[in-house]
Amino acid sequence: MAFNAPLLERIPREIAAVGDYEPYARRRLDDNAWTYLHSGSADELTFRWNKEAFDRLRLNGRVLADVRGGHTRLELFGQRYEHPLFLAPVAHQKLFHPEGELATVLGAGALQAGMVVSTLASTPLEDIAAQAEAPLWFQLYFQPDRDFTRQLVQRAEAAGYQALVVTVDVPIFGLRNREQRIGFHLPAGIDPANLRGMAAPAQPALHPGQSIVFDGIMAAAPTWEDIAWVRSLTRLPLILKGITHPGDARQAADLGVDGLIVSNHGGRSLDTLPASIEALPAVVQAVAGRLPVLLDGGIRRGSDVVKALALGAAAVLLGRPWVYGLAAAGPLGVAHTLKLLREELEVTMAMAGCTTLADINADLLFSHHTWMQP
């Protein structure tokens, strides 16, 4: 894998917010890697809405509060965390740095950030765990070979992962996904390391009149029965990622799932899904405190984190921002991205009169019942 420019050895003054990393990442990555990182599905409407929805949501500041002794700590799934910032699962990280996930986990550990490791990581999950200095969760894609899927769960447990995150919103990628349109490909030397040794899935034989989607591609897609099966396989906290509908949230809670992540896959699955922050309140209301709900998608500022928590999220997952940092400056860039967001989170909390995360609620949102209107 060739890169167009060397890694930054120090962080320039011009990088004062996480968005400032994007042009540095673009200069370093070739068109193939950039397409994979910076693309959405179909017309990329959801891709844009994720950020725009946060921009429309306004905060109400509070003054004269005594916030001495404040902190951002929380407990989630029996584990204590210093802050609510988690690294979302991102596949094929050697596209962005020669060491891939091993570089990312170093940056995450420096800021004690939880990291979710993708099934499609370019480094084996065991090697990542051996280098981790902060809790890891494992993200699971169901494989057509369910026995191999079971082995992935067992490997994650044996390696010490703290939770299992099952992605449920991409049984089939959008047929007009931009990376497909311009021919994204994995370069030589980069492969999904955790899937090595898995036999290629057999393609179902289609009869005349059958659908290539319904009867072909979706034939091995997971269902709620598969979620119940995974629940029976592991004692790890089971979290479903990709929930946007309140009915799915209630069904997951009824099945004994431990947590949900409201996510539209960064706009990479079904286009015109709502922004994650728009879908969050109804999902939180649907589960009625039965299990924690996290948010993934659109976080670019510390104030965005406060907005998500104000609407009921227990924590947030970050995707593209830290990948820009990884591409530009390696572990240093990942750590610096997290540092910027955590400091912005603390400043926003202090300016809003919040001493702890528990103080953040919907009262901090200005006219929150009409905020979705332009």
Protein backbone atom coordinates (compact mmCIF):
# COMPACT_ATOMS: atom_id res chain seq x y z
CA MET A 1 0.00 0.00 0.00
CA ALA A 2 1.56 3.29 -1.14
CA PHE A 3 0.80 6.67 0.40
CA ASN A 4 1.04 10.04 -1.30
CA ALA A 5 2.75 11.87 1.58
CA PRO A 6 4.59 11.03 4.82
CA LEU A 7 2.85 10.94 8.19
CA LEU A 8 2.82 14.11 10.22
CA GLU A 9 5.49 13.88 12.92
CA ARG A 10 3.95 16.66 14.97
CA ILE A 11 0.54 18.28 14.99
CA PRO A 12 0.58 21.67 13.22
CA ARG A 13 -1.15 24.66 14.81
CA GLU A 14 -3.65 24.68 11.98
CA ILE A 15 -5.26 21.52 13.37
CA ALA A 16 -7.42 22.97 16.13
CA ALA A 17 -10.56 20.87 15.58
CA VAL A 18 -11.15 17.35 14.32
CA GLY A 19 -12.43 18.61 10.97
CA ASP A 20 -9.01 20.15 10.30
CA TYR A 21 -7.54 16.67 9.82
CA GLU A 22 -9.59 15.95 6.71
CA PRO A 23 -7.44 17.79 4.12
CA TYR A 24 -4.26 16.32 5.61
CA ALA A 25 -5.75 12.83 5.29
CA ARG A 26 -6.85 13.52 1.72
CA ARG A 27 -3.35 14.58 0.69
CA ARG A 28 -1.85 11.41 2.10
CA LEU A 29 -4.32 8.83 0.76
CA ASP A 30 -4.68 7.66 -2.81
CA ASP A 31 -8.03 7.90 -4.59
CA ASN A 32 -8.89 4.29 -3.83
CA ALA A 33 -8.47 4.60 -0.05
CA TRP A 34 -10.13 8.02 0.02
CA THR A 35 -13.17 6.67 -1.81
CA TYR A 36 -13.59 3.92 0.76
CA LEU A 37 -13.30 6.37 3.66
CA HIS A 38 -15.23 9.31 2.33
CA SER A 39 -18.24 7.79 0.58
CA GLY A 40 -21.84 7.02 1.23
CA SER A 41 -24.59 5.01 -0.42
CA ALA A 42 -26.56 6.04 -3.52
CA ASP A 43 -26.92 9.84 -3.64
CA GLU A 44 -25.20 10.26 -0.25
CA LEU A 45 -28.14 12.07 1.34
CA THR A 46 -27.93 10.26 4.69
CA PHE A 47 -24.15 10.71 4.57
CA ARG A 48 -24.69 14.50 4.58
CA TRP A 49 -27.69 14.55 6.91
CA ASN A 50 -25.74 12.92 9.75
CA LYS A 51 -23.71 16.09 10.24
CA GLU A 52 -26.31 18.62 9.13
CA ALA A 53 -28.80 17.40 11.74
CA PHE A 54 -26.34 18.20 14.53
CA ASP A 55 -25.75 21.64 13.01
CA ARG A 56 -29.49 22.41 13.30
CA LEU A 57 -29.70 21.34 16.92
CA ARG A 58 -29.09 24.27 19.29
CA LEU A 59 -27.87 24.32 22.89
CA ASN A 60 -29.12 26.37 25.81
CA GLY A 61 -26.20 27.48 27.97
CA ARG A 62 -26.48 27.82 31.74
CA VAL A 63 -24.44 30.32 33.73
CA LEU A 64 -22.99 30.73 37.21
CA ALA A 65 -22.94 27.01 37.98
CA ASP A 66 -20.21 25.68 40.25
CA VAL A 67 -18.68 22.88 38.19
CA ARG A 68 -15.54 22.28 40.24
CA GLY A 69 -14.79 18.58 40.51
CA GLY A 70 -16.59 17.83 37.28
CA HIS A 71 -15.72 14.79 35.20
CA THR A 72 -16.83 12.76 32.19
CA ARG A 73 -16.68 9.27 33.72
CA LEU A 74 -19.39 6.67 33.18
CA GLU A 75 -20.11 3.00 33.71
CA LEU A 76 -21.34 0.92 30.80
CA PHE A 77 -21.98 -2.83 30.65
CA GLY A 78 -20.17 -3.27 33.96
CA GLN A 79 -17.02 -1.47 32.80
CA ARG A 80 -15.85 1.98 33.95
CA TYR A 81 -14.79 4.50 31.30
CA GLU A 82 -13.15 7.90 31.61
CA HIS A 83 -15.33 9.46 28.94
CA PRO A 84 -18.19 8.51 26.57
CA LEU A 85 -16.09 8.56 23.37
CA PHE A 86 -15.70 5.20 21.62
CA LEU A 87 -14.02 4.36 18.33
CA ALA A 88 -16.55 2.87 15.93
CA PRO A 89 -15.63 -0.25 13.95
CA VAL A 90 -13.87 0.56 10.69
CA ALA A 91 -12.73 -2.14 8.27
CA HIS A 92 -9.44 -2.44 6.39
CA GLN A 93 -7.48 0.12 8.43
CA LYS A 94 -4.22 -0.67 6.64
CA LEU A 95 -5.72 1.42 3.85
CA PHE A 96 -5.01 4.42 6.09
CA HIS A 97 -1.83 3.47 7.95
CA PRO A 98 0.77 0.70 7.40
CA GLU A 99 0.11 -0.76 10.86
CA GLY A 100 -3.66 -0.47 10.56
CA GLU A 101 -5.55 -1.38 13.71
CA LEU A 102 -2.35 -1.73 15.72
CA ALA A 103 -1.73 1.99 15.22
CA THR A 104 -5.34 2.82 16.08
CA VAL A 105 -5.36 0.86 19.30
CA LEU A 106 -2.24 2.69 20.48
CA GLY A 107 -3.94 6.03 19.97
CA ALA A 108 -7.11 4.82 21.68
CA GLY A 109 -5.14 3.56 24.66
CA ALA A 110 -3.40 6.90 25.12
CA LEU A 111 -6.81 8.50 25.80
CA GLN A 112 -8.34 5.41 27.44
CA ALA A 113 -11.02 5.24 24.76
CA GLY A 114 -13.00 2.09 24.15
CA MET A 115 -12.48 0.69 20.66
CA VAL A 116 -14.79 -1.52 18.60
CA VAL A 117 -12.79 -3.87 16.36
CA SER A 118 -14.29 -4.82 13.01
CA THR A 119 -14.75 -8.36 11.76
CA LEU A 120 -13.16 -6.98 8.57
CA ALA A 121 -10.05 -5.70 10.36
CA SER A 122 -6.81 -5.98 8.43
CA THR A 123 -5.12 -7.32 11.58
CA PRO A 124 -6.20 -10.44 13.53
CA LEU A 125 -8.39 -9.63 16.52
CA GLU A 126 -5.98 -11.43 18.86
CA ASP A 127 -3.04 -9.22 17.81
CA ILE A 128 -5.08 -6.09 18.42
CA ALA A 129 -6.12 -7.30 21.88
CA ALA A 130 -2.51 -8.06 22.79
CA GLN A 131 -1.60 -4.41 22.22
CA ALA A 132 -4.69 -2.82 23.77
CA GLU A 133 -4.49 -0.62 26.86
CA ALA A 134 -8.21 0.16 26.97
CA PRO A 135 -11.30 -2.07 26.73
CA LEU A 136 -12.13 -3.57 23.34
CA TRP A 137 -15.47 -4.62 21.90
CA PHE A 138 -15.71 -6.94 18.90
CA GLN A 139 -18.00 -6.07 16.00
CA LEU A 140 -19.52 -9.13 14.35
CA TYR A 141 -20.74 -9.51 10.80
CA PHE A 142 -22.70 -12.71 10.36
CA GLN A 143 -21.02 -14.99 7.85
CA PRO A 144 -22.93 -17.42 5.61
CA ASP A 145 -21.00 -20.15 7.43
CA ARG A 146 -22.65 -19.97 10.85
CA ASP A 147 -20.03 -22.28 12.37
CA PHE A 148 -17.34 -19.79 11.35
CA THR A 149 -19.49 -17.04 12.89
CA ARG A 150 -19.56 -19.02 16.13
CA GLN A 151 -15.77 -19.33 16.00
CA LEU A 152 -15.42 -15.54 15.69
CA VAL A 153 -17.49 -15.09 18.84
CA GLN A 154 -15.38 -17.66 20.69
CA ARG A 155 -12.14 -16.03 19.52
CA ALA A 156 -13.29 -12.64 20.76
CA GLU A 157 -14.19 -14.07 24.16
CA ALA A 158 -10.86 -15.91 24.44
CA ALA A 159 -8.92 -12.76 23.52
CA GLY A 160 -10.58 -10.76 26.31
CA TYR A 161 -13.01 -8.55 24.43
CA GLN A 162 -15.53 -6.90 26.75
CA ALA A 163 -18.63 -6.88 24.54
CA LEU A 164 -20.00 -8.18 21.25
CA VAL A 165 -21.42 -5.67 18.78
CA VAL A 166 -23.51 -7.26 16.03
CA THR A 167 -23.99 -5.04 12.99
CA VAL A 168 -27.52 -5.62 11.70
CA ASP A 169 -28.04 -2.93 9.06
CA VAL A 170 -25.89 -4.12 6.15
CA PRO A 171 -26.96 -7.57 4.94
CA ILE A 172 -26.61 -5.98 1.49
CA PHE A 173 -24.81 -2.75 0.59
CA GLY A 174 -26.54 -0.12 -1.55
CA LEU A 175 -26.33 -1.12 -5.20
CA ARG A 176 -25.32 2.45 -6.11
CA ASN A 177 -22.69 2.80 -3.42
CA ARG A 178 -20.13 5.31 -4.65
CA GLU A 179 -17.17 3.00 -4.00
CA GLN A 180 -18.79 0.42 -6.27
CA ARG A 181 -19.44 2.99 -8.97
CA ILE A 182 -15.79 3.96 -9.28
CA GLY A 183 -14.33 0.54 -8.62
CA PHE A 184 -12.90 0.47 -5.07
CA HIS A 185 -10.65 -2.54 -4.48
CA LEU A 186 -8.48 -3.88 -1.68
CA PRO A 187 -4.80 -3.46 -2.60
CA ALA A 188 -2.39 -6.38 -2.48
CA GLY A 189 -1.38 -7.19 1.08
CA ILE A 190 -4.64 -6.03 2.68
CA ASP A 191 -7.33 -8.57 3.46
CA PRO A 192 -9.95 -9.28 6.15
CA ALA A 193 -7.54 -11.05 8.48
CA ASN A 194 -10.22 -12.50 10.77
CA LEU A 195 -11.85 -14.34 7.88
CA ARG A 196 -8.75 -16.21 6.75
CA GLY A 197 -9.48 -19.89 6.37
CA MET A 198 -13.21 -19.45 5.82
CA ALA A 199 -14.50 -21.32 2.80
CA ALA A 200 -16.03 -19.19 0.06
CA PRO A 201 -19.82 -19.23 0.45
CA ALA A 202 -21.74 -21.27 -2.09
CA GLN A 203 -23.94 -19.18 -4.34
CA PRO A 204 -27.59 -20.29 -4.25
CA ALA A 205 -28.90 -21.66 -7.54
CA LEU A 206 -31.67 -19.40 -8.77
CA HIS A 207 -34.61 -20.66 -10.76
CA PRO A 208 -36.37 -18.64 -13.44
CA GLY A 209 -38.43 -15.91 -11.84
CA GLN A 210 -36.46 -15.82 -8.60
CA SER A 211 -34.90 -12.57 -7.40
CA ILE A 212 -31.13 -12.13 -7.20
CA VAL A 213 -31.76 -9.98 -4.12
CA PHE A 214 -34.52 -11.77 -2.19
CA ASP A 215 -33.57 -15.32 -3.13
CA GLY A 216 -29.85 -14.83 -3.78
CA ILE A 217 -27.93 -12.19 -1.86
CA MET A 218 -30.34 -12.18 1.10
CA ALA A 219 -30.56 -15.96 1.41
CA ALA A 220 -27.89 -16.04 4.14
CA ALA A 221 -28.75 -12.69 5.74
CA PRO A 222 -29.30 -12.83 9.52
CA THR A 223 -32.74 -12.68 11.11
CA TRP A 224 -33.99 -12.25 14.65
CA GLU A 225 -33.54 -16.00 15.11
CA ASP A 226 -29.81 -15.51 14.51
CA ILE A 227 -29.70 -12.80 17.17
CA ALA A 228 -31.32 -15.19 19.64
CA TRP A 229 -28.73 -17.82 18.62
CA VAL A 230 -25.80 -15.47 19.28
CA ARG A 231 -27.38 -14.49 22.59
CA SER A 232 -27.23 -18.19 23.53
CA LEU A 233 -23.56 -18.45 22.50
CA THR A 234 -22.00 -15.82 24.74
CA ARG A 235 -22.09 -14.27 28.17
CA LEU A 236 -20.58 -11.07 26.83
CA PRO A 237 -22.83 -8.03 26.70
CA LEU A 238 -24.62 -8.22 23.34
CA ILE A 239 -25.14 -4.93 21.53
CA LEU A 240 -26.96 -4.43 18.22
CA LYS A 241 -25.56 -1.73 15.93
CA GLY A 242 -27.72 -0.28 13.17
CA ILE A 243 -31.04 0.27 14.94
CA THR A 244 -33.13 3.25 13.77
CA HIS A 245 -36.72 1.97 14.15
CA PRO A 246 -38.46 1.92 17.55
CA GLY A 247 -40.11 -1.43 16.75
CA ASP A 248 -36.71 -3.05 16.21
CA ALA A 249 -35.50 -1.52 19.46
CA ARG A 250 -38.38 -3.07 21.40
CA GLN A 251 -37.88 -6.46 19.75
CA ALA A 252 -34.18 -6.41 20.61
CA ALA A 253 -34.95 -5.61 24.24
CA ASP A 254 -37.46 -8.44 24.38
CA LEU A 255 -34.78 -10.86 23.10
CA GLY A 256 -32.45 -10.00 25.95
CA VAL A 257 -30.01 -7.79 24.05
CA ASP A 258 -27.91 -5.68 26.44
CA GLY A 259 -27.54 -2.48 24.42
CA LEU A 260 -28.33 -0.73 21.15
CA ILE A 261 -26.38 1.56 18.85
CA VAL A 262 -28.50 3.92 16.80
CA SER A 263 -26.65 4.06 13.50
CA ASN A 264 -27.23 4.35 9.76
CA HIS A 265 -23.76 2.97 9.01
CA GLY A 266 -22.40 6.43 8.33
CA GLY A 267 -24.75 6.76 5.37
CA ARG A 268 -23.23 3.71 3.69
CA SER A 269 -26.20 1.32 3.77
CA LEU A 270 -29.75 2.43 2.92
CA ASP A 271 -29.76 5.98 1.61
CA THR A 272 -32.39 8.44 2.91
CA LEU A 273 -32.47 6.83 6.32
CA PRO A 274 -32.77 9.61 8.90
CA ALA A 275 -29.71 11.08 10.50
CA SER A 276 -28.74 9.04 13.54
CA ILE A 277 -29.44 11.93 15.92
CA GLU A 278 -32.93 12.28 14.40
CA ALA A 279 -33.69 8.59 15.01
CA LEU A 280 -32.26 8.56 18.55
CA PRO A 281 -35.16 10.00 20.63
CA ALA A 282 -37.76 7.50 19.39
CA VAL A 283 -35.44 4.55 20.03
CA VAL A 284 -34.65 5.79 23.53
CA GLN A 285 -38.36 6.21 24.22
CA ALA A 286 -39.13 2.72 22.85
CA VAL A 287 -36.78 0.90 25.24
CA ALA A 288 -37.85 3.06 28.20
CA GLY A 289 -34.65 2.58 30.17
CA ARG A 290 -34.53 -1.20 29.76
CA LEU A 291 -31.05 -1.01 28.20
CA PRO A 292 -28.51 1.68 27.25
CA VAL A 293 -28.66 3.28 23.83
CA LEU A 294 -25.52 4.62 22.13
CA LEU A 295 -25.28 6.83 19.06
CA ASP A 296 -23.04 6.48 16.00
CA GLY A 297 -22.91 8.97 13.14
CA GLY A 298 -22.24 12.66 12.63
CA ILE A 299 -20.19 13.51 15.73
CA ARG A 300 -17.68 16.21 14.82
CA ARG A 301 -17.54 18.39 17.96
CA GLY A 302 -17.65 18.01 21.71
CA SER A 303 -20.93 19.91 21.64
CA ASP A 304 -22.34 17.17 19.38
CA VAL A 305 -21.60 14.67 22.14
CA VAL A 306 -23.59 16.79 24.61
CA LYS A 307 -26.49 16.98 22.14
CA ALA A 308 -26.53 13.20 21.76
CA LEU A 309 -26.44 12.64 25.50
CA ALA A 310 -29.17 15.25 25.98
CA LEU A 311 -31.42 13.20 23.70
CA GLY A 312 -30.79 10.01 25.66
CA ALA A 313 -27.57 8.45 24.39
CA ALA A 314 -25.38 6.82 27.02
CA ALA A 315 -22.22 7.27 24.90
CA VAL A 316 -21.20 7.95 21.31
CA LEU A 317 -19.15 6.22 18.64
CA LEU A 318 -16.78 8.13 16.38
CA GLY A 319 -15.99 7.00 12.84
CA ARG A 320 -14.47 9.14 10.14
CA PRO A 321 -12.94 11.86 12.40
CA TRP A 322 -10.40 9.56 14.03
CA VAL A 323 -9.70 7.79 10.73
CA TYR A 324 -8.70 11.15 9.26
CA GLY A 325 -6.36 11.51 12.24
CA LEU A 326 -4.99 8.00 11.73
CA ALA A 327 -4.33 8.65 8.05
CA ALA A 328 -2.64 11.98 8.71
CA ALA A 329 -0.59 11.28 11.82
CA GLY A 330 -0.94 7.65 12.90
CA PRO A 331 -1.51 6.88 16.60
CA LEU A 332 -0.69 10.51 17.42
CA GLY A 333 -3.54 11.65 15.18
CA VAL A 334 -6.02 9.21 16.75
CA ALA A 335 -5.05 10.32 20.25
CA HIS A 336 -5.15 14.01 19.32
CA THR A 337 -8.61 13.64 17.75
CA LEU A 338 -9.89 12.09 20.96
CA LYS A 339 -8.17 14.74 23.07
CA LEU A 340 -9.76 17.56 21.06
CA LEU A 341 -13.23 16.06 21.37
CA ARG A 342 -12.89 15.31 25.06
CA GLU A 343 -11.70 18.85 25.81
CA GLU A 344 -14.55 20.29 23.74
CA LEU A 345 -16.96 18.02 25.62
CA GLU A 346 -15.68 19.29 28.97
CA VAL A 347 -15.87 22.94 27.87
CA THR A 348 -19.42 22.47 26.59
CA MET A 349 -20.45 20.77 29.83
CA ALA A 350 -18.95 23.56 31.92
CA MET A 351 -20.61 26.28 29.83
CA ALA A 352 -23.92 24.44 30.13
CA GLY A 353 -23.60 24.07 33.91
CA CYS A 354 -23.08 20.29 33.89
CA THR A 355 -20.71 18.75 36.42
CA THR A 356 -21.18 15.15 35.27
CA LEU A 357 -22.73 13.34 32.33
CA ALA A 358 -25.80 12.67 34.47
CA ASP A 359 -26.52 16.42 34.46
CA ILE A 360 -26.97 16.45 30.68
CA ASN A 361 -30.63 16.30 29.67
CA ALA A 362 -33.08 17.65 27.11
CA ASP A 363 -33.44 20.94 28.99
CA LEU A 364 -30.07 21.89 27.50
CA LEU A 365 -31.58 21.89 24.02
CA PHE A 366 -33.14 25.07 22.69
CA SER A 367 -36.68 24.42 21.43
CA HIS A 368 -35.80 20.74 21.14
CA HIS A 369 -39.35 19.81 20.07
CA THR A 370 -38.93 21.79 16.81
CA TRP A 371 -35.19 21.52 16.24
CA MET A 372 -35.43 19.29 13.18
CA GLN A 373 -37.00 22.07 11.14
CA PRO A 374 -34.54 24.14 9.04
